[in-house]
Structure formats: structure tokens, C-alpha cells
Amino acid sequence: MSKKNAPATNGNESTNTNRHSTKKAVILAVLKTRSLNRFEAHAFGDFCLHSTIAELRGDGQVFHDEWESVPTKWGREVRVKRYRWIQTAR
């Protein structure tokens, strides 16, 4: 592939990959000790927990999830999923 047709990069690709892998490792470690919903995951640096869970499932991790209602800061309730780690399938 010529330089002209090469995909644009910013030089941080390996850093982004390592950061992403670290995020998955952190979330998996936390889920092995407790359950999480999307709002609780923010404290561990994950702002898109359902995507992280999907990737971990693709890596062979098994989770139980269930809907729950949690209060918002405005006094309403919102439904979110709570995830619990079950085991490593592979």
C-alpha cells in the first residue's frame, strides 16, 4: 500500500489498544468481585459498559445480566442492566 493510500493514523494506535485492553482487564477484575451497572462502571473508567461486556463475552467470559431500575439525580428512575461474572467459558 502506498503512503498516499495508507489509512490515516495519529501515532497512538498501540497506546489506544493497550488502554482498551487494560480497561477490559480492569472491568473483568472488578466483575470477579462484585456486580456492576453502567453508572457504577464509570468509577472504573468505563463509560460504555455494555460494549465492554460484549467484547468480554467474545473473549469467552460468561455473564448473567438482569434489568434493574435505578434513581437518577432528577428523581426519576431509569432501567439499566446489572452484570455479574459467572465464569470463563474457554
N, C-alpha and C. Protein backbone atom coordinates (compact mmCIF):
# COMPACT_ATOMS: atom_id res chain seq x y z
N MET A 1 0.85 -1.16 0.00
CA MET A 1 0.00 0.00 0.00
C MET A 1 0.90 1.23 0.00
N SER A 2 0.65 2.13 -0.89
CA SER A 2 1.46 3.34 -0.93
C SER A 2 1.08 4.25 0.22
N LYS A 3 2.00 5.15 0.52
CA LYS A 3 1.74 6.08 1.60
C LYS A 3 0.51 6.92 1.33
N LYS A 4 0.29 7.20 0.06
CA LYS A 4 -0.86 8.01 -0.34
C LYS A 4 -2.18 7.31 0.01
N ASN A 5 -2.23 5.98 -0.11
CA ASN A 5 -3.44 5.21 0.16
C ASN A 5 -3.49 4.61 1.56
N ALA A 6 -2.46 4.83 2.33
CA ALA A 6 -2.42 4.27 3.69
C ALA A 6 -3.48 4.94 4.56
N PRO A 7 -4.07 4.18 5.49
CA PRO A 7 -5.06 4.77 6.39
C PRO A 7 -4.41 5.84 7.26
N ALA A 8 -5.16 6.87 7.56
CA ALA A 8 -4.66 7.93 8.42
C ALA A 8 -4.46 7.40 9.83
N THR A 9 -3.36 7.77 10.45
CA THR A 9 -3.09 7.36 11.83
C THR A 9 -2.62 8.58 12.61
N ASN A 10 -2.74 8.49 13.90
CA ASN A 10 -2.27 9.59 14.74
C ASN A 10 -1.07 9.18 15.59
N GLY A 11 -0.56 7.98 15.37
CA GLY A 11 0.60 7.52 16.11
C GLY A 11 0.27 6.91 17.46
N ASN A 12 -0.99 6.89 17.85
CA ASN A 12 -1.38 6.38 19.17
C ASN A 12 -2.09 5.04 19.11
N GLU A 13 -2.02 4.35 17.99
CA GLU A 13 -2.78 3.12 17.84
C GLU A 13 -2.41 2.07 18.89
N SER A 14 -1.13 1.84 19.11
CA SER A 14 -0.75 0.83 20.10
C SER A 14 -1.14 1.28 21.51
N THR A 15 -1.04 2.56 21.78
CA THR A 15 -1.46 3.08 23.08
C THR A 15 -2.96 2.88 23.27
N ASN A 16 -3.75 3.20 22.24
CA ASN A 16 -5.19 3.02 22.34
C ASN A 16 -5.54 1.55 22.55
N THR A 17 -4.86 0.66 21.85
CA THR A 17 -5.12 -0.77 22.01
C THR A 17 -4.76 -1.21 23.42
N ASN A 18 -3.62 -0.77 23.93
CA ASN A 18 -3.23 -1.14 25.29
C ASN A 18 -4.19 -0.56 26.31
N ARG A 19 -4.62 0.66 26.11
CA ARG A 19 -5.56 1.29 27.04
C ARG A 19 -6.87 0.52 27.04
N HIS A 20 -7.33 0.13 25.84
CA HIS A 20 -8.58 -0.62 25.73
C HIS A 20 -8.45 -1.98 26.41
N SER A 21 -7.34 -2.67 26.19
CA SER A 21 -7.13 -3.96 26.83
C SER A 21 -7.08 -3.81 28.34
N THR A 22 -6.48 -2.76 28.81
CA THR A 22 -6.41 -2.51 30.24
C THR A 22 -7.80 -2.26 30.81
N LYS A 23 -8.63 -1.49 30.08
CA LYS A 23 -9.99 -1.23 30.54
C LYS A 23 -10.75 -2.54 30.68
N LYS A 24 -10.64 -3.42 29.69
CA LYS A 24 -11.31 -4.72 29.77
C LYS A 24 -10.80 -5.51 30.96
N ALA A 25 -9.50 -5.49 31.19
CA ALA A 25 -8.91 -6.23 32.31
C ALA A 25 -9.41 -5.67 33.65
N VAL A 26 -9.48 -4.35 33.74
CA VAL A 26 -9.96 -3.73 34.99
C VAL A 26 -11.41 -4.11 35.24
N ILE A 27 -12.25 -3.99 34.23
CA ILE A 27 -13.67 -4.30 34.40
C ILE A 27 -13.86 -5.77 34.74
N LEU A 28 -13.12 -6.65 34.08
CA LEU A 28 -13.24 -8.09 34.39
C LEU A 28 -12.81 -8.35 35.83
N ALA A 29 -11.73 -7.74 36.26
CA ALA A 29 -11.27 -7.93 37.65
C ALA A 29 -12.32 -7.45 38.64
N VAL A 30 -12.94 -6.32 38.37
CA VAL A 30 -13.98 -5.80 39.25
C VAL A 30 -15.18 -6.75 39.25
N LEU A 31 -15.58 -7.21 38.07
CA LEU A 31 -16.75 -8.09 37.97
C LEU A 31 -16.51 -9.45 38.62
N LYS A 32 -15.27 -9.82 38.81
CA LYS A 32 -15.00 -11.08 39.52
C LYS A 32 -15.18 -10.91 41.02
N THR A 33 -15.34 -9.66 41.49
CA THR A 33 -15.53 -9.42 42.92
C THR A 33 -16.90 -8.87 43.26
N ARG A 34 -17.58 -8.29 42.26
CA ARG A 34 -18.89 -7.68 42.50
C ARG A 34 -19.62 -7.50 41.18
N SER A 35 -20.90 -7.16 41.25
CA SER A 35 -21.68 -6.87 40.05
C SER A 35 -21.58 -5.37 39.75
N LEU A 36 -21.91 -5.02 38.50
CA LEU A 36 -21.86 -3.62 38.08
C LEU A 36 -23.03 -3.28 37.17
N ASN A 37 -23.48 -2.04 37.25
CA ASN A 37 -24.34 -1.49 36.21
C ASN A 37 -23.56 -0.38 35.53
N ARG A 38 -24.13 0.21 34.49
CA ARG A 38 -23.38 1.17 33.68
C ARG A 38 -22.93 2.39 34.46
N PHE A 39 -23.70 2.83 35.43
CA PHE A 39 -23.33 4.01 36.20
C PHE A 39 -22.21 3.70 37.18
N GLU A 40 -22.24 2.54 37.79
CA GLU A 40 -21.17 2.14 38.71
C GLU A 40 -19.86 1.93 37.97
N ALA A 41 -19.93 1.52 36.71
CA ALA A 41 -18.73 1.27 35.91
C ALA A 41 -17.95 2.56 35.64
N HIS A 42 -18.61 3.71 35.70
CA HIS A 42 -17.92 4.99 35.46
C HIS A 42 -16.76 5.16 36.43
N ALA A 43 -16.92 4.72 37.67
CA ALA A 43 -15.87 4.86 38.68
C ALA A 43 -14.61 4.08 38.31
N PHE A 44 -14.75 3.11 37.40
CA PHE A 44 -13.62 2.29 36.98
C PHE A 44 -13.16 2.65 35.56
N GLY A 45 -13.63 3.79 35.05
CA GLY A 45 -13.18 4.28 33.76
C GLY A 45 -13.92 3.73 32.56
N ASP A 46 -15.05 3.07 32.77
CA ASP A 46 -15.81 2.52 31.64
C ASP A 46 -17.11 3.30 31.48
N PHE A 47 -17.24 3.96 30.32
CA PHE A 47 -18.41 4.77 30.06
C PHE A 47 -19.33 4.13 29.03
N CYS A 48 -19.04 2.88 28.68
CA CYS A 48 -19.88 2.14 27.72
C CYS A 48 -19.83 0.66 28.10
N LEU A 49 -20.32 0.35 29.29
CA LEU A 49 -20.19 -0.99 29.87
C LEU A 49 -20.76 -2.08 28.97
N HIS A 50 -21.88 -1.84 28.32
CA HIS A 50 -22.48 -2.90 27.50
C HIS A 50 -21.54 -3.32 26.37
N SER A 51 -20.77 -2.39 25.82
CA SER A 51 -19.81 -2.74 24.77
C SER A 51 -18.64 -3.54 25.34
N THR A 52 -18.19 -3.18 26.52
CA THR A 52 -17.11 -3.93 27.16
C THR A 52 -17.56 -5.34 27.47
N ILE A 53 -18.78 -5.49 27.95
CA ILE A 53 -19.34 -6.82 28.24
C ILE A 53 -19.41 -7.64 26.95
N ALA A 54 -19.84 -7.03 25.86
CA ALA A 54 -19.91 -7.75 24.58
C ALA A 54 -18.53 -8.24 24.15
N GLU A 55 -17.52 -7.42 24.32
CA GLU A 55 -16.17 -7.84 23.95
C GLU A 55 -15.67 -8.95 24.87
N LEU A 56 -15.94 -8.82 26.17
CA LEU A 56 -15.52 -9.86 27.11
C LEU A 56 -16.23 -11.19 26.82
N ARG A 57 -17.50 -11.11 26.45
CA ARG A 57 -18.22 -12.33 26.05
C ARG A 57 -17.56 -12.95 24.83
N GLY A 58 -17.14 -12.12 23.89
CA GLY A 58 -16.43 -12.60 22.71
C GLY A 58 -15.10 -13.26 23.07
N ASP A 59 -14.53 -12.85 24.20
CA ASP A 59 -13.27 -13.44 24.68
C ASP A 59 -13.51 -14.72 25.48
N GLY A 60 -14.78 -15.12 25.63
CA GLY A 60 -15.08 -16.36 26.34
C GLY A 60 -15.56 -16.21 27.78
N GLN A 61 -15.81 -14.98 28.21
CA GLN A 61 -16.32 -14.77 29.56
C GLN A 61 -17.84 -14.94 29.55
N VAL A 62 -18.38 -15.45 30.65
CA VAL A 62 -19.82 -15.69 30.76
C VAL A 62 -20.37 -14.77 31.86
N PHE A 63 -21.44 -14.04 31.51
CA PHE A 63 -22.07 -13.11 32.44
C PHE A 63 -23.56 -13.39 32.54
N HIS A 64 -24.10 -13.09 33.70
CA HIS A 64 -25.55 -13.05 33.88
C HIS A 64 -25.91 -11.57 33.90
N ASP A 65 -26.96 -11.21 33.20
CA ASP A 65 -27.41 -9.82 33.27
C ASP A 65 -28.90 -9.79 33.53
N GLU A 66 -29.31 -8.74 34.24
CA GLU A 66 -30.73 -8.55 34.53
C GLU A 66 -31.03 -7.06 34.60
N TRP A 67 -32.25 -6.71 34.21
CA TRP A 67 -32.66 -5.33 34.26
C TRP A 67 -32.94 -4.92 35.70
N GLU A 68 -32.62 -3.67 36.01
CA GLU A 68 -32.96 -3.09 37.31
C GLU A 68 -33.29 -1.63 37.10
N SER A 69 -34.01 -1.05 38.03
CA SER A 69 -34.33 0.37 37.98
C SER A 69 -33.48 1.09 39.01
N VAL A 70 -32.88 2.18 38.58
CA VAL A 70 -32.05 2.98 39.49
C VAL A 70 -32.51 4.44 39.41
N PRO A 71 -32.43 5.17 40.53
CA PRO A 71 -32.86 6.57 40.52
C PRO A 71 -31.84 7.45 39.80
N THR A 72 -32.33 8.46 39.12
CA THR A 72 -31.46 9.46 38.51
C THR A 72 -31.30 10.61 39.49
N LYS A 73 -30.40 11.53 39.17
CA LYS A 73 -30.22 12.68 40.05
C LYS A 73 -31.39 13.64 40.00
N TRP A 74 -32.32 13.42 39.07
CA TRP A 74 -33.51 14.26 38.95
C TRP A 74 -34.74 13.61 39.59
N GLY A 75 -34.55 12.49 40.29
CA GLY A 75 -35.65 11.86 41.00
C GLY A 75 -36.48 10.89 40.18
N ARG A 76 -36.10 10.67 38.96
CA ARG A 76 -36.80 9.68 38.13
C ARG A 76 -36.06 8.35 38.22
N GLU A 77 -36.66 7.32 37.66
CA GLU A 77 -35.99 6.02 37.60
C GLU A 77 -35.69 5.68 36.16
N VAL A 78 -34.57 5.00 35.96
CA VAL A 78 -34.16 4.56 34.63
C VAL A 78 -33.80 3.08 34.74
N ARG A 79 -34.09 2.33 33.69
CA ARG A 79 -33.75 0.91 33.68
C ARG A 79 -32.37 0.71 33.07
N VAL A 80 -31.56 -0.07 33.76
CA VAL A 80 -30.22 -0.41 33.29
C VAL A 80 -29.98 -1.88 33.57
N LYS A 81 -28.99 -2.43 32.92
CA LYS A 81 -28.65 -3.83 33.19
C LYS A 81 -27.56 -3.91 34.25
N ARG A 82 -27.70 -4.89 35.12
CA ARG A 82 -26.66 -5.22 36.09
C ARG A 82 -26.01 -6.50 35.61
N TYR A 83 -24.68 -6.49 35.55
CA TYR A 83 -23.91 -7.63 35.04
C TYR A 83 -23.18 -8.32 36.18
N ARG A 84 -23.22 -9.65 36.16
CA ARG A 84 -22.48 -10.48 37.11
C ARG A 84 -21.65 -11.48 36.33
N TRP A 85 -20.36 -11.57 36.68
CA TRP A 85 -19.48 -12.54 36.04
C TRP A 85 -19.80 -13.92 36.56
N ILE A 86 -19.89 -14.91 35.66
CA ILE A 86 -20.17 -16.29 36.04
C ILE A 86 -18.91 -17.14 35.96
N GLN A 87 -18.26 -17.12 34.78
CA GLN A 87 -17.07 -17.96 34.59
C GLN A 87 -16.39 -17.63 33.27
N THR A 88 -15.22 -18.23 33.10
CA THR A 88 -14.54 -18.18 31.80
C THR A 88 -14.93 -19.44 31.07
N ALA A 89 -15.51 -19.30 29.87
CA ALA A 89 -16.03 -20.44 29.13
C ALA A 89 -14.93 -21.23 28.43
N ARG A 90 -13.89 -20.58 27.99
CA ARG A 90 -12.85 -21.26 27.21
C ARG A 90 -11.61 -21.50 28.01
